[in-house]
Amino acid sequence: MLCPPRRRTIYHALDPRDRNRSTATPIVVPHPRTGRRMSYLSVDDSVTATVTAAVARARAAQQAIEGWNQQQVDDAVTAIAYAATRPDVVERLANLAAEQSGLGNAADKATKIMRKTLGTLSDLKDAPSVGVIDIDEARGVTTIAKPMGVIACILPSTNPGATPINNMMITLKGRNAVLLAPHPRGEATCAESVRIARAELAKLGAPEDLVQLVSVAGENKEAGKAIAAELLSQVDYSLVTAGPANVDMAYRVGTPSHGVGVGNAPVIIDETADLDAAIPKIVASKTFDHATSCSSENALVIDDSIYDSVIVKLQDHGGWLVPATQKDQLQQAMWPGGNLNRQVVAQPASRIAEVAGFDDDAAHASKFLIVEETGIGEDHPFSGEKLSVVLSVYRASDFDHALDTVEQILGYMGEGHSCGIHSEIDERVERLAERARVSTVLVNQPHAYNNGGSFDNGLDFTLSMGAGTWGDNDTCENLTYKHFLNYTYLARLIPSNEPTEDELFGDFLARTDRAG
């Protein structure tokens, strides 16, 4: 008689928010070791065995390169980048990504693969990541970089071409092995990227199992989530470039993890902005890959004195202003039942117009839709992340009002991620940066292009942006190779520099009249 596969449980801390999520598992039990109330995902032994085998191969491969020098590491990273940026490979990956995911468009995905891969390589080239990477003689501290071990990367459906390549590069740079777990809609694209990378590693005599794909395409969503949780529970570290539910799951599994925050970038346009430069940047950014990027502009906050001019220029660049009488029609189409409609995510404007039932030919011929908005919060979904070529616009009476609006938008959604400004007044730029609870503020730049690093700004190239504690993440930085290294700090004796109490307190006591 055939016996069904045995099952085990992956425990993660019970989160009361789960009861409102479609991914919730209703089974709650005491953890067998700690007694803490936990929810759990049930996993077949066959799944466990598959994941365990992949992790074991990764560990063996990682241990085999533990003694690699910097040149060997850099050769592996460069070889993967070179192979991934050959024109025929880029075209194949981009077409596969667009076709399988049904999101964005192949031309922009090709641009993204090229730009992100070359940009990442430029950041990694000549960057020390093996052994002694810094000697501070004054402090007597030597910094030694070491691998983390086996890294799991949970990948999004929105960028199945560029993200796997980037993740392989930034993890291998630290002599780690990487297990890529793509969204099912991006698995074929990821598999091709992994095949290419493994072939390049083989040419160098390196273990191919430094790079592997672990499928999380279970029989249903819950099964897929269970596979991902099993993977996360077995590795040394993880990078989760996915939605909030997956980030939360990674944190609750217990393995150290880098997660990313929710995007919803508001961008101020003040009266000093060069509109002839700003508007083309905004439109190109908003429509790039049909707004798959979490860094895409979601709202413009426009000074009242130039508001009408900006709207006209947006229309001149392919925008269609949704009539006030049809705004609710679009809202119902985009958020039926309160949840974002997958049929509008990363689709051309013509498709969104079709879903909304618009009969105006101009709507179907447009590049993006413009929605005038005044409200912010749950009752005003246009104030949140849309992942679509729909741009909300707000009118601000002055700069203080613009700051208030940005703060309120981020307070509703996107806190910790990013915002931007088009202005020629540096004092205003700094006021926004000091006030906004975000990790990145872009000045006079196209948000989707530059937020994840650019050749004309100093940010690291990435497809994974930390949102700090504002966004329930552990870093505010663009995630790159340095986030996947362990560091040993070798401290030697130096001449004592212990200060006197007068040196420590003297100025303070004098200023506060506490002397004596």
Protein backbone atom coordinates (compact mmCIF):
# COMPACT_ATOMS: atom_id res chain seq x y z
CA MET A 1 0.00 0.00 0.00
CA LEU A 2 1.34 3.44 -0.96
CA CYS A 3 1.73 5.82 1.94
CA PRO A 4 1.25 9.58 1.55
CA PRO A 5 4.31 11.76 2.10
CA ARG A 6 5.01 12.59 5.71
CA ARG A 7 4.58 16.21 6.68
CA ARG A 8 6.53 18.52 8.94
CA THR A 9 5.87 22.04 10.16
CA ILE A 10 7.62 25.33 9.61
CA TYR A 11 6.92 27.55 12.58
CA HIS A 12 6.76 31.31 12.49
CA ALA A 13 5.64 33.83 15.05
CA LEU A 14 1.90 34.36 15.07
CA ASP A 15 0.97 37.70 13.58
CA PRO A 16 -2.61 38.87 14.26
CA ARG A 17 -2.61 40.58 10.87
CA ASP A 18 -2.64 37.14 9.24
CA ARG A 19 -6.35 36.78 9.86
CA ASN A 20 -6.93 39.46 7.25
CA ARG A 21 -4.59 37.98 4.67
CA SER A 22 -5.42 35.50 1.95
CA THR A 23 -2.10 33.77 2.72
CA ALA A 24 -3.07 33.10 6.34
CA THR A 25 -2.90 29.60 7.73
CA PRO A 26 -5.57 29.05 10.38
CA ILE A 27 -3.67 26.44 12.40
CA VAL A 28 -2.27 27.85 15.66
CA VAL A 29 -0.34 25.72 18.15
CA PRO A 30 2.26 26.16 20.89
CA HIS A 31 5.80 25.92 19.56
CA PRO A 32 7.15 22.53 20.74
CA ARG A 33 10.28 24.08 22.23
CA THR A 34 9.32 27.56 23.47
CA GLY A 35 5.59 27.15 24.05
CA ARG A 36 4.96 30.45 22.27
CA ARG A 37 1.75 30.60 20.24
CA MET A 38 2.72 30.09 16.62
CA SER A 39 1.01 29.64 13.29
CA TYR A 40 2.48 26.99 11.05
CA LEU A 41 2.77 25.84 7.48
CA SER A 42 2.59 22.12 6.83
CA VAL A 43 5.20 20.74 4.44
CA ASP A 44 5.51 17.33 2.79
CA ASP A 45 8.68 15.43 3.57
CA SER A 46 9.31 15.24 -0.16
CA VAL A 47 9.42 19.04 -0.30
CA THR A 48 11.69 19.17 2.72
CA ALA A 49 14.03 16.65 1.12
CA THR A 50 14.22 18.64 -2.11
CA VAL A 51 15.04 21.86 -0.29
CA THR A 52 17.48 20.14 2.06
CA ALA A 53 19.33 18.60 -0.88
CA ALA A 54 19.63 21.96 -2.64
CA VAL A 55 20.92 23.63 0.53
CA ALA A 56 23.42 20.81 1.07
CA ARG A 57 24.76 21.22 -2.47
CA ALA A 58 24.99 24.96 -1.92
CA ARG A 59 26.90 24.51 1.34
CA ALA A 60 29.39 22.15 -0.29
CA ALA A 61 29.90 24.59 -3.17
CA GLN A 62 30.33 27.53 -0.83
CA GLN A 63 32.85 25.70 1.31
CA ALA A 64 34.80 24.84 -1.84
CA ILE A 65 35.38 28.54 -2.59
CA GLU A 66 35.98 29.64 1.00
CA GLY A 67 39.67 30.02 0.14
CA TRP A 68 39.17 31.96 -3.09
CA ASN A 69 41.14 35.15 -3.50
CA GLN A 70 39.69 38.46 -4.67
CA GLN A 71 40.60 37.87 -8.30
CA GLN A 72 38.81 34.54 -8.42
CA VAL A 73 35.70 36.08 -6.88
CA ASP A 74 35.73 39.02 -9.26
CA ASP A 75 36.25 36.77 -12.27
CA ALA A 76 33.13 34.77 -11.37
CA VAL A 77 31.03 37.90 -10.90
CA THR A 78 32.34 39.48 -14.10
CA ALA A 79 31.82 36.32 -16.14
CA ILE A 80 28.15 36.18 -15.14
CA ALA A 81 27.67 39.87 -15.90
CA TYR A 82 29.37 39.54 -19.28
CA ALA A 83 27.32 36.53 -20.33
CA ALA A 84 24.07 38.14 -19.17
CA THR A 85 24.65 41.33 -21.15
CA ARG A 86 25.30 39.81 -24.57
CA PRO A 87 22.65 41.29 -26.90
CA ASP A 88 21.11 37.94 -27.83
CA VAL A 89 20.92 36.89 -24.18
CA VAL A 90 19.38 40.19 -23.10
CA GLU A 91 16.76 39.93 -25.84
CA ARG A 92 15.95 36.32 -24.93
CA LEU A 93 15.62 37.05 -21.21
CA ALA A 94 13.56 40.19 -21.78
CA ASN A 95 11.15 38.48 -24.17
CA LEU A 96 10.79 35.51 -21.86
CA ALA A 97 10.19 37.75 -18.84
CA ALA A 98 7.52 39.82 -20.57
CA GLU A 99 5.79 36.80 -22.09
CA GLN A 100 5.74 34.62 -18.99
CA SER A 101 4.95 37.28 -16.40
CA GLY A 102 2.50 39.22 -18.54
CA LEU A 103 3.87 42.37 -16.89
CA GLY A 104 5.65 45.29 -18.50
CA ASN A 105 7.20 45.13 -21.95
CA ALA A 106 10.21 43.40 -23.44
CA ALA A 107 11.99 46.51 -24.72
CA ASP A 108 12.14 48.16 -21.31
CA LYS A 109 13.01 44.90 -19.61
CA ALA A 110 15.99 44.60 -21.95
CA THR A 111 17.09 48.11 -20.98
CA LYS A 112 16.69 47.24 -17.31
CA ILE A 113 18.75 44.06 -17.60
CA MET A 114 21.58 45.89 -19.36
CA ARG A 115 21.57 48.97 -17.18
CA LYS A 116 21.23 47.21 -13.83
CA THR A 117 23.78 44.53 -14.64
CA LEU A 118 26.42 46.91 -15.96
CA GLY A 119 25.73 49.34 -13.12
CA THR A 120 26.04 46.61 -10.51
CA LEU A 121 29.30 45.43 -12.03
CA SER A 122 30.66 48.99 -12.00
CA ASP A 123 29.89 49.16 -8.26
CA LEU A 124 31.47 45.77 -7.56
CA LYS A 125 34.53 46.15 -9.76
CA ASP A 126 37.65 46.73 -7.62
CA ALA A 127 35.55 46.74 -4.42
CA PRO A 128 37.32 44.63 -1.76
CA SER A 129 35.24 41.76 -0.37
CA VAL A 130 37.78 39.06 0.52
CA GLY A 131 39.98 39.00 3.60
CA VAL A 132 41.46 42.27 4.83
CA ILE A 133 39.44 45.09 3.30
CA ASP A 134 40.44 48.00 5.55
CA ILE A 135 43.23 48.95 7.96
CA ASP A 136 42.65 51.91 10.28
CA GLU A 137 46.09 52.46 11.77
CA ALA A 138 44.98 55.34 13.99
CA ARG A 139 42.37 53.18 15.72
CA GLY A 140 44.34 49.97 15.42
CA VAL A 141 41.41 48.21 13.77
CA THR A 142 41.68 45.88 10.79
CA THR A 143 38.46 44.84 9.03
CA ILE A 144 38.27 41.35 7.55
CA ALA A 145 35.41 40.35 5.23
CA LYS A 146 34.03 36.82 5.39
CA PRO A 147 31.14 34.98 3.71
CA MET A 148 27.71 34.60 5.26
CA GLY A 149 27.30 31.15 3.73
CA VAL A 150 24.16 30.16 1.85
CA ILE A 151 21.79 32.97 0.85
CA ALA A 152 18.18 32.50 -0.28
CA CYS A 153 16.67 35.14 -2.53
CA ILE A 154 12.89 35.39 -2.87
CA LEU A 155 12.21 37.10 -6.19
CA PRO A 156 9.29 39.21 -7.47
CA SER A 157 7.17 38.66 -10.56
CA THR A 158 7.75 42.24 -11.70
CA ASN A 159 11.47 41.93 -12.52
CA PRO A 160 12.21 38.29 -13.40
CA GLY A 161 15.01 39.25 -15.78
CA ALA A 162 17.17 41.79 -13.97
CA THR A 163 16.72 40.78 -10.32
CA PRO A 164 18.15 37.23 -10.46
CA ILE A 165 21.29 38.46 -12.21
CA ASN A 166 21.79 41.25 -9.70
CA ASN A 167 21.20 38.92 -6.75
CA MET A 168 23.69 36.38 -8.05
CA MET A 169 26.34 39.05 -8.49
CA ILE A 170 26.00 40.75 -5.11
CA THR A 171 25.93 37.47 -3.17
CA LEU A 172 28.76 35.75 -5.04
CA LYS A 173 30.90 38.84 -4.50
CA GLY A 174 31.09 37.78 -0.84
CA ARG A 175 31.95 34.11 -1.61
CA ASN A 176 28.41 33.03 -0.78
CA ALA A 177 26.26 30.44 -2.49
CA VAL A 178 22.82 31.60 -3.60
CA LEU A 179 19.48 29.83 -3.95
CA LEU A 180 17.02 31.76 -6.10
CA ALA A 181 13.31 31.26 -5.46
CA PRO A 182 11.44 33.06 -8.25
CA HIS A 183 7.77 33.91 -8.39
CA PRO A 184 6.08 31.20 -10.51
CA ARG A 185 5.37 33.78 -13.23
CA GLY A 186 9.09 34.43 -13.53
CA GLU A 187 10.46 30.94 -13.05
CA ALA A 188 11.32 30.23 -16.68
CA THR A 189 13.24 33.50 -16.97
CA CYS A 190 15.10 32.85 -13.73
CA ALA A 191 15.89 29.30 -14.84
CA GLU A 192 17.52 30.64 -17.99
CA SER A 193 19.56 33.15 -15.99
CA VAL A 194 20.69 30.39 -13.63
CA ARG A 195 21.60 28.15 -16.57
CA ILE A 196 23.75 30.91 -18.04
CA ALA A 197 25.45 31.61 -14.72
CA ARG A 198 26.17 27.94 -14.02
CA ALA A 199 27.74 27.56 -17.46
CA GLU A 200 30.03 30.51 -16.76
CA LEU A 201 31.02 29.10 -13.37
CA ALA A 202 31.85 25.77 -15.00
CA LYS A 203 34.14 27.52 -17.50
CA LEU A 204 36.09 28.94 -14.56
CA GLY A 205 36.30 25.59 -12.82
CA ALA A 206 34.02 26.84 -10.05
CA PRO A 207 31.24 24.75 -8.47
CA GLU A 208 28.06 25.20 -10.48
CA ASP A 209 25.98 24.69 -7.35
CA LEU A 210 27.04 28.12 -6.12
CA VAL A 211 23.92 29.16 -8.04
CA GLN A 212 20.68 27.17 -7.99
CA LEU A 213 16.98 27.67 -8.56
CA VAL A 214 14.47 26.38 -6.01
CA SER A 215 10.94 26.27 -7.39
CA VAL A 216 8.20 27.60 -5.12
CA ALA A 217 5.50 26.80 -7.68
CA GLY A 218 3.41 24.61 -5.40
CA GLU A 219 0.00 23.15 -6.15
CA ASN A 220 -1.52 26.34 -4.73
CA LYS A 221 -0.44 29.59 -3.12
CA GLU A 222 -0.24 28.10 0.35
CA ALA A 223 1.92 25.23 -0.85
CA GLY A 224 4.26 27.66 -2.56
CA LYS A 225 4.51 29.75 0.58
CA ALA A 226 5.34 26.63 2.59
CA ILE A 227 8.19 25.76 0.23
CA ALA A 228 9.56 29.29 0.53
CA ALA A 229 9.33 29.14 4.32
CA GLU A 230 11.14 25.79 4.34
CA LEU A 231 13.92 27.26 2.22
CA LEU A 232 14.22 30.33 4.43
CA SER A 233 14.43 28.16 7.53
CA GLN A 234 17.46 26.23 6.25
CA VAL A 235 19.75 28.95 4.88
CA ASP A 236 22.09 31.35 6.68
CA TYR A 237 20.56 34.57 5.37
CA SER A 238 17.93 35.75 2.94
CA LEU A 239 17.04 38.63 0.67
CA VAL A 240 13.33 39.06 0.04
CA THR A 241 12.53 41.39 -2.85
CA ALA A 242 8.79 40.78 -2.81
CA GLY A 243 5.53 41.97 -1.29
CA PRO A 244 4.90 42.70 2.40
CA ALA A 245 3.44 39.25 3.10
CA ASN A 246 6.62 37.53 1.91
CA VAL A 247 8.86 39.97 3.77
CA ASP A 248 6.86 39.40 6.96
CA MET A 249 7.06 35.64 6.48
CA ALA A 250 10.84 35.81 6.11
CA TYR A 251 11.21 37.81 9.30
CA ARG A 252 8.95 35.47 11.24
CA VAL A 253 10.69 32.29 10.09
CA GLY A 254 13.60 33.48 12.21
CA THR A 255 16.53 33.33 9.79
CA PRO A 256 18.26 36.73 9.49
CA SER A 257 16.91 38.53 6.45
CA HIS A 258 17.02 41.69 4.40
CA GLY A 259 13.54 42.75 3.29
CA VAL A 260 12.33 45.65 1.19
CA GLY A 261 9.66 48.26 1.78
CA VAL A 262 6.50 49.21 -0.07
CA GLY A 263 6.91 51.92 -2.68
CA ASN A 264 4.59 54.87 -3.25
CA ALA A 265 6.86 57.71 -4.25
CA PRO A 266 5.36 61.21 -4.12
CA VAL A 267 7.29 63.86 -6.03
CA ILE A 268 7.07 67.63 -5.52
CA ILE A 269 7.20 70.03 -8.46
CA ASP A 270 7.66 73.58 -7.23
CA GLU A 271 7.38 76.82 -9.18
CA THR A 272 11.14 77.00 -9.85
CA ALA A 273 11.32 73.61 -11.58
CA ASP A 274 12.52 73.42 -15.17
CA LEU A 275 9.35 71.87 -16.58
CA ASP A 276 10.87 71.21 -19.99
CA ALA A 277 13.38 68.95 -18.27
CA ALA A 278 11.21 67.62 -15.44
CA ILE A 279 8.12 66.48 -17.35
CA PRO A 280 9.93 64.23 -19.87
CA LYS A 281 11.84 62.63 -17.00
CA ILE A 282 8.66 61.99 -15.03
CA VAL A 283 6.77 60.56 -18.00
CA ALA A 284 9.67 58.33 -19.08
CA SER A 285 10.02 57.07 -15.52
CA LYS A 286 6.30 56.58 -14.88
CA THR A 287 5.75 54.61 -18.06
CA PHE A 288 9.00 52.59 -17.99
CA ASP A 289 8.16 48.89 -18.21
CA HIS A 290 4.52 49.88 -17.60
CA ALA A 291 5.36 50.93 -14.02
CA THR A 292 6.62 47.58 -12.72
CA SER A 293 9.11 49.45 -10.55
CA CYS A 294 8.25 50.14 -6.92
CA SER A 295 10.18 53.39 -7.44
CA SER A 296 7.84 54.67 -10.13
CA GLU A 297 6.28 58.06 -9.39
CA ASN A 298 2.88 57.44 -7.84
CA ALA A 299 1.84 61.03 -7.12
CA LEU A 300 2.90 64.51 -8.15
CA VAL A 301 2.45 67.33 -5.65
CA ILE A 302 2.40 70.48 -7.77
CA ASP A 303 2.64 74.11 -6.73
CA ASP A 304 -0.62 75.91 -7.45
CA SER A 305 1.05 78.58 -9.61
CA ILE A 306 2.22 76.02 -12.18
CA TYR A 307 -0.40 73.30 -11.67
CA ASP A 308 -2.34 73.96 -14.87
CA SER A 309 0.85 74.23 -16.92
CA VAL A 310 2.11 70.91 -15.58
CA ILE A 311 -1.18 69.18 -16.43
CA VAL A 312 -1.01 70.51 -19.98
CA LYS A 313 2.58 69.36 -20.38
CA LEU A 314 1.75 65.93 -19.01
CA GLN A 315 -1.01 65.68 -21.59
CA ASP A 316 1.37 66.86 -24.30
CA HIS A 317 3.65 63.96 -23.36
CA GLY A 318 0.96 61.32 -23.72
CA GLY A 319 -1.09 61.60 -20.56
CA TRP A 320 -4.90 61.38 -20.53
CA LEU A 321 -6.63 63.38 -17.82
CA VAL A 322 -9.41 61.25 -16.37
CA PRO A 323 -12.59 63.37 -16.21
CA ALA A 324 -13.83 63.93 -12.67
CA THR A 325 -17.08 62.22 -13.64
CA GLN A 326 -15.18 59.03 -14.54
CA LYS A 327 -12.74 58.93 -11.64
CA ASP A 328 -14.97 56.63 -9.59
CA GLN A 329 -15.40 54.37 -12.62
CA LEU A 330 -11.62 53.95 -12.81
CA GLN A 331 -11.34 53.44 -9.07
CA GLN A 332 -13.92 50.65 -9.10
CA ALA A 333 -12.10 48.98 -11.97
CA MET A 334 -8.70 49.23 -10.29
CA TRP A 335 -9.77 48.25 -6.79
CA PRO A 336 -12.80 45.95 -7.06
CA GLY A 337 -13.67 44.90 -3.55
CA GLY A 338 -10.89 47.09 -2.20
CA ASN A 339 -7.96 45.09 -3.61
CA LEU A 340 -5.76 46.16 -6.51
CA ASN A 341 -6.92 44.46 -9.71
CA ARG A 342 -4.14 42.33 -11.20
CA GLN A 343 -5.54 43.10 -14.64
CA VAL A 344 -4.22 46.67 -14.42
CA VAL A 345 -0.82 45.97 -12.83
CA ALA A 346 2.06 46.78 -15.19
CA GLN A 347 -0.25 46.98 -18.21
CA PRO A 348 -0.35 49.58 -20.98
CA ALA A 349 -2.77 52.46 -20.57
CA SER A 350 -4.95 51.03 -23.34
CA ARG A 351 -5.53 47.90 -21.27
CA ILE A 352 -6.40 49.91 -18.17
CA ALA A 353 -8.83 52.00 -20.22
CA GLU A 354 -10.39 48.79 -21.49
CA VAL A 355 -10.75 47.33 -17.99
CA ALA A 356 -12.30 50.60 -16.81
CA GLY A 357 -14.73 50.63 -19.72
CA PHE A 358 -13.64 54.03 -21.05
CA ASP A 359 -14.96 54.73 -24.53
CA ASP A 360 -12.81 57.78 -25.24
CA ASP A 361 -10.31 56.93 -27.98
CA ALA A 362 -7.81 59.32 -26.38
CA ALA A 363 -7.72 57.18 -23.24
CA HIS A 364 -6.88 54.07 -25.26
CA ALA A 365 -4.21 55.92 -27.24
CA SER A 366 -2.51 57.45 -24.19
CA LYS A 367 0.74 56.45 -22.51
CA PHE A 368 -0.60 56.94 -18.99
CA LEU A 369 -3.65 58.15 -17.10
CA ILE A 370 -3.73 61.26 -14.89
CA VAL A 371 -6.06 61.36 -11.89
CA GLU A 372 -6.65 64.58 -9.95
CA GLU A 373 -6.80 63.79 -6.25
CA THR A 374 -7.34 65.70 -3.02
CA GLY A 375 -7.82 62.92 -0.48
CA ILE A 376 -5.27 60.66 1.21
CA GLY A 377 -5.77 57.34 2.97
CA GLU A 378 -7.72 54.11 2.70
CA ASP A 379 -10.81 55.85 1.36
CA HIS A 380 -8.67 57.35 -1.41
CA PRO A 381 -6.80 54.46 -3.06
CA PHE A 382 -5.30 56.70 -5.73
CA SER A 383 -3.11 58.06 -2.92
CA GLY A 384 -1.41 54.65 -2.58
CA GLU A 385 0.88 52.46 -4.64
CA LYS A 386 -0.72 51.54 -7.94
CA LEU A 387 1.94 49.56 -9.84
CA SER A 388 0.36 50.87 -13.00
CA VAL A 389 0.63 53.73 -15.46
CA VAL A 390 -1.84 55.78 -13.43
CA LEU A 391 -0.45 59.00 -11.98
CA SER A 392 -2.18 60.90 -9.18
CA VAL A 393 -1.76 64.68 -9.05
CA TYR A 394 -2.24 66.99 -6.06
CA ARG A 395 -2.41 70.79 -5.97
CA ALA A 396 -0.33 72.49 -3.24
CA SER A 397 -0.97 76.10 -2.22
CA ASP A 398 2.69 76.60 -1.29
CA PHE A 399 5.79 74.62 -0.39
CA ASP A 400 4.73 74.02 3.20
CA HIS A 401 1.48 72.56 1.92
CA ALA A 402 3.47 70.37 -0.47
CA LEU A 403 5.58 69.07 2.41
CA ASP A 404 2.46 68.30 4.42
CA THR A 405 0.95 66.44 1.47
CA VAL A 406 4.06 64.32 0.92
CA GLU A 407 4.19 63.50 4.62
CA GLN A 408 0.54 62.43 4.63
CA ILE A 409 0.89 60.31 1.48
CA LEU A 410 3.90 58.50 2.92
CA GLY A 411 2.13 58.13 6.24
CA TYR A 412 -0.60 56.23 4.44
CA MET A 413 1.71 54.10 2.28
CA GLY A 414 5.35 54.01 1.29
CA GLU A 415 6.98 55.31 4.45
CA GLY A 416 10.68 54.50 4.47
CA HIS A 417 10.98 54.03 0.71
CA SER A 418 11.54 57.22 -1.28
CA CYS A 419 10.25 60.54 -2.54
CA GLY A 420 11.49 63.23 -4.88
CA ILE A 421 11.48 66.88 -5.82
CA HIS A 422 11.96 69.00 -8.93
CA SER A 423 13.22 72.39 -7.75
CA GLU A 424 16.06 74.86 -8.16
CA ILE A 425 16.01 75.92 -4.50
CA ASP A 426 18.47 73.85 -2.49
CA GLU A 427 17.01 74.98 0.84
CA ARG A 428 13.69 73.37 -0.15
CA VAL A 429 15.44 70.20 -1.22
CA GLU A 430 17.08 69.93 2.18
CA ARG A 431 13.83 70.69 4.01
CA LEU A 432 12.15 67.81 2.22
CA ALA A 433 15.07 65.48 2.97
CA GLU A 434 15.11 66.45 6.64
CA ARG A 435 11.37 65.98 7.07
CA ALA A 436 10.42 63.00 4.91
CA ARG A 437 10.59 59.60 6.62
CA VAL A 438 12.21 57.90 3.65
CA SER A 439 15.54 56.32 2.79
CA THR A 440 16.08 58.18 -0.47
CA VAL A 441 15.16 61.62 -1.79
CA LEU A 442 15.87 62.22 -5.48
CA VAL A 443 16.44 65.74 -6.80
CA ASN A 444 15.51 66.58 -10.40
CA GLN A 445 15.71 62.93 -11.44
CA PRO A 446 13.47 60.26 -13.02
CA HIS A 447 12.49 58.16 -10.04
CA ALA A 448 12.18 54.68 -11.55
CA TYR A 449 15.48 55.03 -13.40
CA ASN A 450 17.61 56.54 -10.64
CA ASN A 451 16.29 55.41 -7.27
CA GLY A 452 17.96 52.03 -7.62
CA GLY A 453 21.27 53.59 -8.59
CA SER A 454 22.40 55.49 -11.64
CA PHE A 455 25.56 56.51 -13.43
CA ASP A 456 24.65 60.14 -12.72
CA ASN A 457 24.08 59.83 -8.96
CA GLY A 458 26.03 58.22 -6.14
CA LEU A 459 23.52 55.54 -5.12
CA ASP A 460 24.44 51.87 -5.35
CA PHE A 461 22.82 49.98 -8.21
CA THR A 462 20.22 47.59 -6.87
CA LEU A 463 16.77 46.11 -7.36
CA SER A 464 16.22 45.83 -3.61
CA MET A 465 15.79 48.98 -1.54
CA GLY A 466 15.71 48.95 2.23
CA ALA A 467 13.11 51.17 3.90
CA GLY A 468 14.56 51.29 7.40
CA THR A 469 12.47 50.79 10.50
CA TRP A 470 9.86 53.08 8.91
CA GLY A 471 9.15 50.24 6.46
CA ASP A 472 9.86 47.38 8.90
CA ASN A 473 13.29 46.75 7.37
CA ASP A 474 16.75 46.65 8.92
CA THR A 475 18.57 49.05 6.61
CA CYS A 476 17.90 52.30 4.78
CA GLU A 477 20.39 51.55 2.03
CA ASN A 478 20.24 50.20 -1.49
CA LEU A 479 21.15 46.55 -0.95
CA THR A 480 24.43 45.47 -2.49
CA TYR A 481 27.35 43.12 -1.88
CA LYS A 482 28.42 44.67 1.44
CA HIS A 483 25.10 43.62 2.98
CA PHE A 484 25.98 39.95 2.39
CA LEU A 485 29.29 39.84 4.22
CA ASN A 486 30.25 39.05 7.77
CA TYR A 487 32.96 41.25 9.23
CA THR A 488 35.66 40.49 11.78
CA TYR A 489 37.22 43.52 13.48
CA LEU A 490 40.78 42.86 14.60
CA ALA A 491 41.61 45.32 17.40
CA ARG A 492 45.23 45.99 18.40
CA LEU A 493 46.50 48.04 21.31
CA ILE A 494 47.07 51.74 20.61
CA PRO A 495 48.36 54.52 22.86
CA SER A 496 45.69 55.35 25.42
CA ASN A 497 43.50 58.30 24.46
CA GLU A 498 41.26 58.40 27.53
CA PRO A 499 39.89 61.96 27.85
CA THR A 500 39.70 63.95 31.07
CA GLU A 501 36.36 64.86 32.59
CA ASP A 502 37.01 68.48 31.71
CA GLU A 503 37.45 67.52 28.06
CA LEU A 504 34.18 65.61 28.16
CA PHE A 505 32.01 67.94 30.23
CA GLY A 506 33.75 71.32 30.27
CA ASP A 507 31.98 72.97 27.34
CA PHE A 508 28.60 71.57 28.41
CA LEU A 509 28.98 72.78 31.99
CA ALA A 510 30.05 76.24 30.87
CA ARG A 511 27.11 76.60 28.51
CA THR A 512 24.54 75.33 31.00
CA ASP A 513 25.90 77.13 34.07
CA ARG A 514 26.36 73.89 35.98
CA ALA A 515 30.02 74.35 36.87
CA GLY A 516 30.75 73.54 40.50
